[in-house]
Amino acid sequence: MATTNQAQVDGPTSPLLAPYKLGNFNLSHRVVLAPLTRQRSYRNVPQPHAILYYSQRTSNGGLLISEATGISDTAQGYPDTPGIWTKEQVEAWKPIVDAVSC
């Protein structure tokens, strides 16, 4: 016969798993994906594989900060990083954002 311990009844005991309000965001936990620089963009355009990559790392009520994103062609710190200064780049980000938005 399975028994229930008090931690299962009371919910998470770790502050890491406790809900948290961050400004206007109500997070369901404090596990956050920090910004990355993955260097996997072709001509500074985010690629479709990023949809799978980020959707595997998102959670309902969690916070996911995407990778370093150049705001102009002269603001690139590394080659092959995604940008957001052309219409093509903005359009490429949309399905990625849609995939991880709760």
PDB file of N, CA and C in Angstrom:
ATOM      1  N   MET A   1       0.836  -1.174   0.000  1.00  0.00           N
ATOM      2  CA  MET A   1       0.000   0.000   0.000  1.00  0.00           C
ATOM      3  C   MET A   1       0.887   1.246   0.000  1.00  0.00           C
ATOM      4  N   ALA A   2       0.625   2.165  -0.916  1.00  0.00           N
ATOM      5  CA  ALA A   2       1.425   3.388  -1.012  1.00  0.00           C
ATOM      6  C   ALA A   2       1.023   4.355   0.087  1.00  0.00           C
ATOM      7  N   THR A   3       1.994   5.056   0.595  1.00  0.00           N
ATOM      8  CA  THR A   3       1.722   6.065   1.612  1.00  0.00           C
ATOM      9  C   THR A   3       2.054   7.434   1.055  1.00  0.00           C
ATOM     10  N   THR A   4       1.465   8.451   1.622  1.00  0.00           N
ATOM     11  CA  THR A   4       1.707   9.831   1.208  1.00  0.00           C
ATOM     12  C   THR A   4       2.474  10.525   2.308  1.00  0.00           C
ATOM     13  N   ASN A   5       3.621  11.111   1.955  1.00  0.00           N
ATOM     14  CA  ASN A   5       4.357  11.849   2.978  1.00  0.00           C
ATOM     15  C   ASN A   5       3.905  13.307   2.990  1.00  0.00           C
ATOM     16  N   GLN A   6       4.269  14.037   4.024  1.00  0.00           N
ATOM     17  CA  GLN A   6       3.803  15.409   4.204  1.00  0.00           C
ATOM     18  C   GLN A   6       4.255  16.327   3.074  1.00  0.00           C
ATOM     19  N   ALA A   7       5.449  16.105   2.517  1.00  0.00           N
ATOM     20  CA  ALA A   7       5.940  16.951   1.413  1.00  0.00           C
ATOM     21  C   ALA A   7       5.046  16.825   0.193  1.00  0.00           C
ATOM     22  N   GLN A   8       4.504  15.631  -0.062  1.00  0.00           N
ATOM     23  CA  GLN A   8       3.613  15.454  -1.198  1.00  0.00           C
ATOM     24  C   GLN A   8       2.295  16.182  -0.974  1.00  0.00           C
ATOM     25  N   VAL A   9       1.829  16.232   0.253  1.00  0.00           N
ATOM     26  CA  VAL A   9       0.566  16.886   0.576  1.00  0.00           C
ATOM     27  C   VAL A   9       0.706  18.400   0.531  1.00  0.00           C
ATOM     28  N   ASP A  10       1.785  18.922   1.112  1.00  0.00           N
ATOM     29  CA  ASP A  10       1.975  20.361   1.225  1.00  0.00           C
ATOM     30  C   ASP A  10       2.486  21.015  -0.056  1.00  0.00           C
ATOM     31  N   GLY A  11       2.968  20.254  -1.009  1.00  0.00           N
ATOM     32  CA  GLY A  11       3.500  20.810  -2.240  1.00  0.00           C
ATOM     33  C   GLY A  11       5.010  20.934  -2.180  1.00  0.00           C
ATOM     34  N   PRO A  12       5.596  21.730  -3.072  1.00  0.00           N
ATOM     35  CA  PRO A  12       7.059  21.813  -3.151  1.00  0.00           C
ATOM     36  C   PRO A  12       7.654  22.392  -1.868  1.00  0.00           C
ATOM     37  N   THR A  13       8.775  21.842  -1.465  1.00  0.00           N
ATOM     38  CA  THR A  13       9.456  22.332  -0.273  1.00  0.00           C
ATOM     39  C   THR A  13      10.662  23.187  -0.633  1.00  0.00           C
ATOM     40  N   SER A  14      11.116  23.120  -1.843  1.00  0.00           N
ATOM     41  CA  SER A  14      12.280  23.877  -2.274  1.00  0.00           C
ATOM     42  C   SER A  14      11.856  25.260  -2.776  1.00  0.00           C
ATOM     43  N   PRO A  15      12.527  26.322  -2.328  1.00  0.00           N
ATOM     44  CA  PRO A  15      12.227  27.651  -2.861  1.00  0.00           C
ATOM     45  C   PRO A  15      12.390  27.713  -4.384  1.00  0.00           C
ATOM     46  N   LEU A  16      13.255  26.892  -4.928  1.00  0.00           N
ATOM     47  CA  LEU A  16      13.472  26.861  -6.377  1.00  0.00           C
ATOM     48  C   LEU A  16      12.196  26.486  -7.124  1.00  0.00           C
ATOM     49  N   LEU A  17      11.359  25.665  -6.508  1.00  0.00           N
ATOM     50  CA  LEU A  17      10.133  25.204  -7.156  1.00  0.00           C
ATOM     51  C   LEU A  17       8.900  25.974  -6.709  1.00  0.00           C
ATOM     52  N   ALA A  18       9.075  26.956  -5.861  1.00  0.00           N
ATOM     53  CA  ALA A  18       7.949  27.747  -5.361  1.00  0.00           C
ATOM     54  C   ALA A  18       7.601  28.858  -6.355  1.00  0.00           C
ATOM     55  N   PRO A  19       6.326  29.234  -6.444  1.00  0.00           N
ATOM     56  CA  PRO A  19       5.935  30.354  -7.314  1.00  0.00           C
ATOM     57  C   PRO A  19       6.661  31.636  -6.920  1.00  0.00           C
ATOM     58  N   TYR A  20       6.832  32.521  -7.911  1.00  0.00           N
ATOM     59  CA  TYR A  20       7.584  33.746  -7.682  1.00  0.00           C
ATOM     60  C   TYR A  20       7.038  34.843  -8.584  1.00  0.00           C
ATOM     61  N   LYS A  21       6.891  36.045  -8.063  1.00  0.00           N
ATOM     62  CA  LYS A  21       6.455  37.190  -8.868  1.00  0.00           C
ATOM     63  C   LYS A  21       7.694  37.996  -9.237  1.00  0.00           C
ATOM     64  N   LEU A  22       7.922  38.153 -10.523  1.00  0.00           N
ATOM     65  CA  LEU A  22       9.063  38.900 -11.048  1.00  0.00           C
ATOM     66  C   LEU A  22       8.516  40.063 -11.859  1.00  0.00           C
ATOM     67  N   GLY A  23       8.420  41.219 -11.244  1.00  0.00           N
ATOM     68  CA  GLY A  23       7.810  42.359 -11.922  1.00  0.00           C
ATOM     69  C   GLY A  23       6.365  42.052 -12.267  1.00  0.00           C
ATOM     70  N   ASN A  24       6.030  42.130 -13.544  1.00  0.00           N
ATOM     71  CA  ASN A  24       4.671  41.808 -13.986  1.00  0.00           C
ATOM     72  C   ASN A  24       4.455  40.329 -14.266  1.00  0.00           C
ATOM     73  N   PHE A  25       5.495  39.514 -14.102  1.00  0.00           N
ATOM     74  CA  PHE A  25       5.419  38.093 -14.432  1.00  0.00           C
ATOM     75  C   PHE A  25       5.174  37.262 -13.184  1.00  0.00           C
ATOM     76  N   ASN A  26       4.174  36.398 -13.248  1.00  0.00           N
ATOM     77  CA  ASN A  26       3.914  35.429 -12.188  1.00  0.00           C
ATOM     78  C   ASN A  26       4.472  34.094 -12.644  1.00  0.00           C
ATOM     79  N   LEU A  27       5.612  33.724 -12.093  1.00  0.00           N
ATOM     80  CA  LEU A  27       6.282  32.483 -12.483  1.00  0.00           C
ATOM     81  C   LEU A  27       5.799  31.347 -11.596  1.00  0.00           C
ATOM     82  N   SER A  28       5.675  30.159 -12.169  1.00  0.00           N
ATOM     83  CA  SER A  28       5.253  29.008 -11.375  1.00  0.00           C
ATOM     84  C   SER A  28       6.420  28.388 -10.619  1.00  0.00           C
ATOM     85  N   HIS A  29       7.629  28.789 -10.945  1.00  0.00           N
ATOM     86  CA  HIS A  29       8.836  28.308 -10.273  1.00  0.00           C
ATOM     87  C   HIS A  29       9.974  29.276 -10.579  1.00  0.00           C
ATOM     88  N   ARG A  30      11.145  29.038 -10.034  1.00  0.00           N
ATOM     89  CA  ARG A  30      12.282  29.941 -10.217  1.00  0.00           C
ATOM     90  C   ARG A  30      13.358  29.362 -11.128  1.00  0.00           C
ATOM     91  N   VAL A  31      13.039  28.340 -11.872  1.00  0.00           N
ATOM     92  CA  VAL A  31      13.988  27.757 -12.817  1.00  0.00           C
ATOM     93  C   VAL A  31      13.886  28.566 -14.105  1.00  0.00           C
ATOM     94  N   VAL A  32      14.957  29.241 -14.473  1.00  0.00           N
ATOM     95  CA  VAL A  32      14.947  30.143 -15.626  1.00  0.00           C
ATOM     96  C   VAL A  32      16.034  29.709 -16.601  1.00  0.00           C
ATOM     97  N   LEU A  33      15.675  29.673 -17.889  1.00  0.00           N
ATOM     98  CA  LEU A  33      16.682  29.423 -18.914  1.00  0.00           C
ATOM     99  C   LEU A  33      17.355  30.753 -19.217  1.00  0.00           C
ATOM    100  N   ALA A  34      18.616  30.841 -18.908  1.00  0.00           N
ATOM    101  CA  ALA A  34      19.373  32.084 -19.105  1.00  0.00           C
ATOM    102  C   ALA A  34      19.645  32.315 -20.589  1.00  0.00           C
ATOM    103  N   PRO A  35      19.977  33.554 -20.977  1.00  0.00           N
ATOM    104  CA  PRO A  35      20.294  33.827 -22.366  1.00  0.00           C
ATOM    105  C   PRO A  35      21.522  33.045 -22.837  1.00  0.00           C
ATOM    106  N   LEU A  36      21.486  32.656 -24.064  1.00  0.00           N
ATOM    107  CA  LEU A  36      22.546  31.854 -24.666  1.00  0.00           C
ATOM    108  C   LEU A  36      23.053  32.525 -25.935  1.00  0.00           C
ATOM    109  N   THR A  37      24.168  32.082 -26.412  1.00  0.00           N
ATOM    110  CA  THR A  37      24.624  32.432 -27.747  1.00  0.00           C
ATOM    111  C   THR A  37      24.945  31.117 -28.431  1.00  0.00           C
ATOM    112  N   ARG A  38      24.007  30.643 -29.259  1.00  0.00           N
ATOM    113  CA  ARG A  38      24.128  29.313 -29.837  1.00  0.00           C
ATOM    114  C   ARG A  38      24.826  29.305 -31.194  1.00  0.00           C
ATOM    115  N   GLN A  39      24.895  30.423 -31.872  1.00  0.00           N
ATOM    116  CA  GLN A  39      25.558  30.536 -33.169  1.00  0.00           C
ATOM    117  C   GLN A  39      25.063  29.488 -34.166  1.00  0.00           C
ATOM    118  N   ARG A  40      23.751  29.383 -34.301  1.00  0.00           N
ATOM    119  CA  ARG A  40      23.159  28.416 -35.235  1.00  0.00           C
ATOM    120  C   ARG A  40      22.188  29.078 -36.207  1.00  0.00           C
ATOM    121  N   SER A  41      22.435  30.305 -36.538  1.00  0.00           N
ATOM    122  CA  SER A  41      21.580  31.003 -37.486  1.00  0.00           C
ATOM    123  C   SER A  41      22.306  31.162 -38.811  1.00  0.00           C
ATOM    124  N   TYR A  42      21.558  31.037 -39.882  1.00  0.00           N
ATOM    125  CA  TYR A  42      22.119  31.204 -41.216  1.00  0.00           C
ATOM    126  C   TYR A  42      21.836  32.625 -41.671  1.00  0.00           C
ATOM    127  N   ARG A  43      22.867  33.375 -42.021  1.00  0.00           N
ATOM    128  CA  ARG A  43      22.737  34.788 -42.406  1.00  0.00           C
ATOM    129  C   ARG A  43      22.000  35.598 -41.334  1.00  0.00           C
ATOM    130  N   ASN A  44      22.232  35.260 -40.066  1.00  0.00           N
ATOM    131  CA  ASN A  44      21.633  35.955 -38.930  1.00  0.00           C
ATOM    132  C   ASN A  44      20.111  35.818 -38.855  1.00  0.00           C
ATOM    133  N   VAL A  45      19.564  34.805 -39.522  1.00  0.00           N
ATOM    134  CA  VAL A  45      18.132  34.529 -39.484  1.00  0.00           C
ATOM    135  C   VAL A  45      17.902  33.297 -38.600  1.00  0.00           C
ATOM    136  N   PRO A  46      17.049  33.416 -37.569  1.00  0.00           N
ATOM    137  CA  PRO A  46      16.752  32.252 -36.730  1.00  0.00           C
ATOM    138  C   PRO A  46      16.224  31.104 -37.589  1.00  0.00           C
ATOM    139  N   GLN A  47      16.617  29.898 -37.265  1.00  0.00           N
ATOM    140  CA  GLN A  47      16.257  28.728 -38.068  1.00  0.00           C
ATOM    141  C   GLN A  47      15.141  27.924 -37.403  1.00  0.00           C
ATOM    142  N   PRO A  48      14.398  27.131 -38.186  1.00  0.00           N
ATOM    143  CA  PRO A  48      13.272  26.360 -37.649  1.00  0.00           C
ATOM    144  C   PRO A  48      13.640  25.407 -36.507  1.00  0.00           C
ATOM    145  N   HIS A  49      14.870  24.907 -36.472  1.00  0.00           N
ATOM    146  CA  HIS A  49      15.231  23.986 -35.383  1.00  0.00           C
ATOM    147  C   HIS A  49      15.133  24.660 -34.015  1.00  0.00           C
ATOM    148  N   ALA A  50      15.164  25.979 -33.972  1.00  0.00           N
ATOM    149  CA  ALA A  50      15.053  26.695 -32.700  1.00  0.00           C
ATOM    150  C   ALA A  50      13.674  26.495 -32.069  1.00  0.00           C
ATOM    151  N   ILE A  51      12.663  26.215 -32.878  1.00  0.00           N
ATOM    152  CA  ILE A  51      11.325  25.940 -32.339  1.00  0.00           C
ATOM    153  C   ILE A  51      11.383  24.730 -31.426  1.00  0.00           C
ATOM    154  N   LEU A  52      11.976  23.649 -31.893  1.00  0.00           N
ATOM    155  CA  LEU A  52      12.098  22.440 -31.082  1.00  0.00           C
ATOM    156  C   LEU A  52      13.002  22.689 -29.876  1.00  0.00           C
ATOM    157  N   TYR A  53      14.121  23.321 -30.098  1.00  0.00           N
ATOM    158  CA  TYR A  53      15.084  23.572 -29.022  1.00  0.00           C
ATOM    159  C   TYR A  53      14.430  24.312 -27.855  1.00  0.00           C
ATOM    160  N   TYR A  54      13.776  25.432 -28.140  1.00  0.00           N
ATOM    161  CA  TYR A  54      13.180  26.225 -27.067  1.00  0.00           C
ATOM    162  C   TYR A  54      11.911  25.602 -26.508  1.00  0.00           C
ATOM    163  N   SER A  55      11.105  24.949 -27.331  1.00  0.00           N
ATOM    164  CA  SER A  55       9.882  24.334 -26.806  1.00  0.00           C
ATOM    165  C   SER A  55      10.211  23.175 -25.869  1.00  0.00           C
ATOM    166  N   GLN A  56      11.349  22.529 -26.045  1.00  0.00           N
ATOM    167  CA  GLN A  56      11.774  21.473 -25.117  1.00  0.00           C
ATOM    168  C   GLN A  56      12.203  22.050 -23.768  1.00  0.00           C
ATOM    169  N   ARG A  57      12.481  23.330 -23.706  1.00  0.00           N
ATOM    170  CA  ARG A  57      13.011  23.937 -22.494  1.00  0.00           C
ATOM    171  C   ARG A  57      12.029  24.881 -21.810  1.00  0.00           C
ATOM    172  N   THR A  58      10.834  24.974 -22.315  1.00  0.00           N
ATOM    173  CA  THR A  58       9.844  25.863 -21.726  1.00  0.00           C
ATOM    174  C   THR A  58       8.933  25.093 -20.778  1.00  0.00           C
ATOM    175  N   SER A  59       8.286  25.820 -19.914  1.00  0.00           N
ATOM    176  CA  SER A  59       7.310  25.224 -19.005  1.00  0.00           C
ATOM    177  C   SER A  59       6.206  26.239 -18.749  1.00  0.00           C
ATOM    178  N   ASN A  60       5.039  25.747 -18.395  1.00  0.00           N
ATOM    179  CA  ASN A  60       3.916  26.624 -18.116  1.00  0.00           C
ATOM    180  C   ASN A  60       4.244  27.491 -16.900  1.00  0.00           C
ATOM    181  N   GLY A  61       4.208  28.781 -17.071  1.00  0.00           N
ATOM    182  CA  GLY A  61       4.504  29.688 -15.976  1.00  0.00           C
ATOM    183  C   GLY A  61       5.982  29.888 -15.714  1.00  0.00           C
ATOM    184  N   GLY A  62       6.842  29.397 -16.607  1.00  0.00           N
ATOM    185  CA  GLY A  62       8.285  29.558 -16.445  1.00  0.00           C
ATOM    186  C   GLY A  62       8.790  30.746 -17.241  1.00  0.00           C
ATOM    187  N   LEU A  63      10.048  31.055 -17.078  1.00  0.00           N
ATOM    188  CA  LEU A  63      10.669  32.166 -17.793  1.00  0.00           C
ATOM    189  C   LEU A  63      11.815  31.632 -18.638  1.00  0.00           C
ATOM    190  N   LEU A  64      11.772  31.951 -19.904  1.00  0.00           N
ATOM    191  CA  LEU A  64      12.792  31.525 -20.849  1.00  0.00           C
ATOM    192  C   LEU A  64      13.322  32.784 -21.530  1.00  0.00           C
ATOM    193  N   ILE A  65      14.595  33.062 -21.366  1.00  0.00           N
ATOM    194  CA  ILE A  65      15.223  34.211 -22.010  1.00  0.00           C
ATOM    195  C   ILE A  65      16.001  33.657 -23.192  1.00  0.00           C
ATOM    196  N   SER A  66      15.663  34.111 -24.387  1.00  0.00           N
ATOM    197  CA  SER A  66      16.294  33.518 -25.571  1.00  0.00           C
ATOM    198  C   SER A  66      17.748  33.950 -25.690  1.00  0.00           C
ATOM    199  N   GLU A  67      18.327  33.571 -26.790  1.00  0.00           N
ATOM    200  CA  GLU A  67      19.749  33.835 -26.982  1.00  0.00           C
ATOM    201  C   GLU A  67      20.050  35.287 -27.301  1.00  0.00           C
ATOM    202  N   ALA A  68      21.314  35.622 -27.220  1.00  0.00           N
ATOM    203  CA  ALA A  68      21.752  36.959 -27.578  1.00  0.00           C
ATOM    204  C   ALA A  68      21.326  37.241 -29.014  1.00  0.00           C
ATOM    205  N   THR A  69      20.676  38.365 -29.227  1.00  0.00           N
ATOM    206  CA  THR A  69      20.112  38.690 -30.527  1.00  0.00           C
ATOM    207  C   THR A  69      20.588  40.065 -30.956  1.00  0.00           C
ATOM    208  N   GLY A  70      21.229  40.115 -32.115  1.00  0.00           N
ATOM    209  CA  GLY A  70      21.742  41.377 -32.625  1.00  0.00           C
ATOM    210  C   GLY A  70      20.635  42.312 -33.051  1.00  0.00           C
ATOM    211  N   ILE A  71      20.784  43.586 -32.740  1.00  0.00           N
ATOM    212  CA  ILE A  71      19.781  44.584 -33.116  1.00  0.00           C
ATOM    213  C   ILE A  71      20.158  45.336 -34.391  1.00  0.00           C
ATOM    214  N   SER A  72      21.372  45.099 -34.889  1.00  0.00           N
ATOM    215  CA  SER A  72      21.785  45.681 -36.164  1.00  0.00           C
ATOM    216  C   SER A  72      22.937  44.847 -36.715  1.00  0.00           C
ATOM    217  N   ASP A  73      23.221  45.032 -37.993  1.00  0.00           N
ATOM    218  CA  ASP A  73      24.301  44.251 -38.599  1.00  0.00           C
ATOM    219  C   ASP A  73      25.671  44.609 -38.023  1.00  0.00           C
ATOM    220  N   THR A  74      25.767  45.746 -37.346  1.00  0.00           N
ATOM    221  CA  THR A  74      27.036  46.122 -36.717  1.00  0.00           C
ATOM    222  C   THR A  74      27.074  45.775 -35.227  1.00  0.00           C
ATOM    223  N   ALA A  75      26.023  45.157 -34.719  1.00  0.00           N
ATOM    224  CA  ALA A  75      25.949  44.823 -33.289  1.00  0.00           C
ATOM    225  C   ALA A  75      26.096  43.323 -33.053  1.00  0.00           C
ATOM    226  N   GLN A  76      26.746  42.637 -33.962  1.00  0.00           N
ATOM    227  CA  GLN A  76      26.940  41.198 -33.828  1.00  0.00           C
ATOM    228  C   GLN A  76      28.249  40.924 -33.089  1.00  0.00           C
ATOM    229  N   GLY A  77      28.166  40.223 -31.963  1.00  0.00           N
ATOM    230  CA  GLY A  77      29.364  39.879 -31.229  1.00  0.00           C
ATOM    231  C   GLY A  77      30.035  38.623 -31.753  1.00  0.00           C
ATOM    232  N   TYR A  78      29.235  37.732 -32.337  1.00  0.00           N
ATOM    233  CA  TYR A  78      29.716  36.449 -32.850  1.00  0.00           C
ATOM    234  C   TYR A  78      29.066  36.180 -34.195  1.00  0.00           C
ATOM    235  N   PRO A  79      29.706  35.404 -35.042  1.00  0.00           N
ATOM    236  CA  PRO A  79      29.070  35.054 -36.323  1.00  0.00           C
ATOM    237  C   PRO A  79      27.920  34.069 -36.106  1.00  0.00           C
ATOM    238  N   ASP A  80      26.999  34.041 -37.033  1.00  0.00           N
ATOM    239  CA  ASP A  80      25.890  33.079 -37.055  1.00  0.00           C
ATOM    240  C   ASP A  80      24.960  33.186 -35.860  1.00  0.00           C
ATOM    241  N   THR A  81      24.856  34.374 -35.266  1.00  0.00           N
ATOM    242  CA  THR A  81      23.879  34.581 -34.201  1.00  0.00           C
ATOM    243  C   THR A  81      22.642  35.242 -34.805  1.00  0.00           C
ATOM    244  N   PRO A  82      21.458  34.980 -34.234  1.00  0.00           N
ATOM    245  CA  PRO A  82      20.239  35.523 -34.831  1.00  0.00           C
ATOM    246  C   PRO A  82      20.126  37.022 -34.623  1.00  0.00           C
ATOM    247  N   GLY A  83      19.492  37.658 -35.570  1.00  0.00           N
ATOM    248  CA  GLY A  83      19.253  39.094 -35.470  1.00  0.00           C
ATOM    249  C   GLY A  83      17.770  39.383 -35.440  1.00  0.00           C
ATOM    250  N   ILE A  84      17.479  40.668 -35.284  1.00  0.00           N
ATOM    251  CA  ILE A  84      16.082  41.102 -35.282  1.00  0.00           C
ATOM    252  C   ILE A  84      15.960  42.485 -35.939  1.00  0.00           C
ATOM    253  N   TRP A  85      16.851  42.765 -36.922  1.00  0.00           N
ATOM    254  CA  TRP A  85      16.830  44.076 -37.561  1.00  0.00           C
ATOM    255  C   TRP A  85      16.243  44.052 -38.965  1.00  0.00           C
ATOM    256  N   THR A  86      15.925  42.878 -39.505  1.00  0.00           N
ATOM    257  CA  THR A  86      15.291  42.836 -40.826  1.00  0.00           C
ATOM    258  C   THR A  86      13.922  42.174 -40.710  1.00  0.00           C
ATOM    259  N   LYS A  87      13.078  42.415 -41.687  1.00  0.00           N
ATOM    260  CA  LYS A  87      11.745  41.797 -41.701  1.00  0.00           C
ATOM    261  C   LYS A  87      11.858  40.272 -41.738  1.00  0.00           C
ATOM    262  N   GLU A  88      12.814  39.741 -42.497  1.00  0.00           N
ATOM    263  CA  GLU A  88      13.014  38.294 -42.582  1.00  0.00           C
ATOM    264  C   GLU A  88      13.342  37.704 -41.204  1.00  0.00           C
ATOM    265  N   GLN A  89      14.172  38.386 -40.447  1.00  0.00           N
ATOM    266  CA  GLN A  89      14.539  37.914 -39.107  1.00  0.00           C
ATOM    267  C   GLN A  89      13.342  37.962 -38.163  1.00  0.00           C
ATOM    268  N   VAL A  90      12.613  39.059 -38.188  1.00  0.00           N
ATOM    269  CA  VAL A  90      11.428  39.196 -37.330  1.00  0.00           C
ATOM    270  C   VAL A  90      10.424  38.092 -37.640  1.00  0.00           C
ATOM    271  N   GLU A  91      10.189  37.841 -38.915  1.00  0.00           N
ATOM    272  CA  GLU A  91       9.245  36.790 -39.306  1.00  0.00           C
ATOM    273  C   GLU A  91       9.736  35.403 -38.874  1.00  0.00           C
ATOM    274  N   ALA A  92      11.030  35.181 -38.902  1.00  0.00           N
ATOM    275  CA  ALA A  92      11.588  33.888 -38.489  1.00  0.00           C
ATOM    276  C   ALA A  92      11.452  33.669 -36.980  1.00  0.00           C
ATOM    277  N   TRP A  93      11.453  34.743 -36.202  1.00  0.00           N
ATOM    278  CA  TRP A  93      11.286  34.619 -34.750  1.00  0.00           C
ATOM    279  C   TRP A  93       9.846  34.285 -34.367  1.00  0.00           C
ATOM    280  N   LYS A  94       8.868  34.698 -35.162  1.00  0.00           N
ATOM    281  CA  LYS A  94       7.457  34.549 -34.780  1.00  0.00           C
ATOM    282  C   LYS A  94       7.048  33.114 -34.446  1.00  0.00           C
ATOM    283  N   PRO A  95       7.360  32.101 -35.275  1.00  0.00           N
ATOM    284  CA  PRO A  95       6.953  30.739 -34.896  1.00  0.00           C
ATOM    285  C   PRO A  95       7.693  30.218 -33.660  1.00  0.00           C
ATOM    286  N   ILE A  96       8.885  30.730 -33.417  1.00  0.00           N
ATOM    287  CA  ILE A  96       9.637  30.324 -32.218  1.00  0.00           C
ATOM    288  C   ILE A  96       8.934  30.886 -30.980  1.00  0.00           C
ATOM    289  N   VAL A  97       8.590  32.168 -31.034  1.00  0.00           N
ATOM    290  CA  VAL A  97       7.891  32.808 -29.911  1.00  0.00           C
ATOM    291  C   VAL A  97       6.538  32.138 -29.685  1.00  0.00           C
ATOM    292  N   ASP A  98       5.813  31.872 -30.758  1.00  0.00           N
ATOM    293  CA  ASP A  98       4.501  31.218 -30.642  1.00  0.00           C
ATOM    294  C   ASP A  98       4.610  29.839 -29.986  1.00  0.00           C
ATOM    295  N   ALA A  99       5.675  29.117 -30.279  1.00  0.00           N
ATOM    296  CA  ALA A  99       5.849  27.758 -29.749  1.00  0.00           C
ATOM    297  C   ALA A  99       6.094  27.750 -28.241  1.00  0.00           C
ATOM    298  N   VAL A 100       6.644  28.814 -27.705  1.00  0.00           N
ATOM    299  CA  VAL A 100       6.980  28.817 -26.278  1.00  0.00           C
ATOM    300  C   VAL A 100       6.077  29.713 -25.446  1.00  0.00           C
ATOM    301  N   SER A 101       5.182  30.448 -26.072  1.00  0.00           N
ATOM    302  CA  SER A 101       4.289  31.325 -25.323  1.00  0.00           C
ATOM    303  C   SER A 101       3.156  30.524 -24.722  1.00  0.00           C
ATOM    304  N   CYS A 102       2.917  30.768 -23.445  1.00  0.00           N
ATOM    305  CA  CYS A 102       1.842  30.045 -22.737  1.00  0.00           C
ATOM    306  C   CYS A 102       0.595  30.860 -22.721  1.00  0.00           C
TER     307      CYS A 102
END
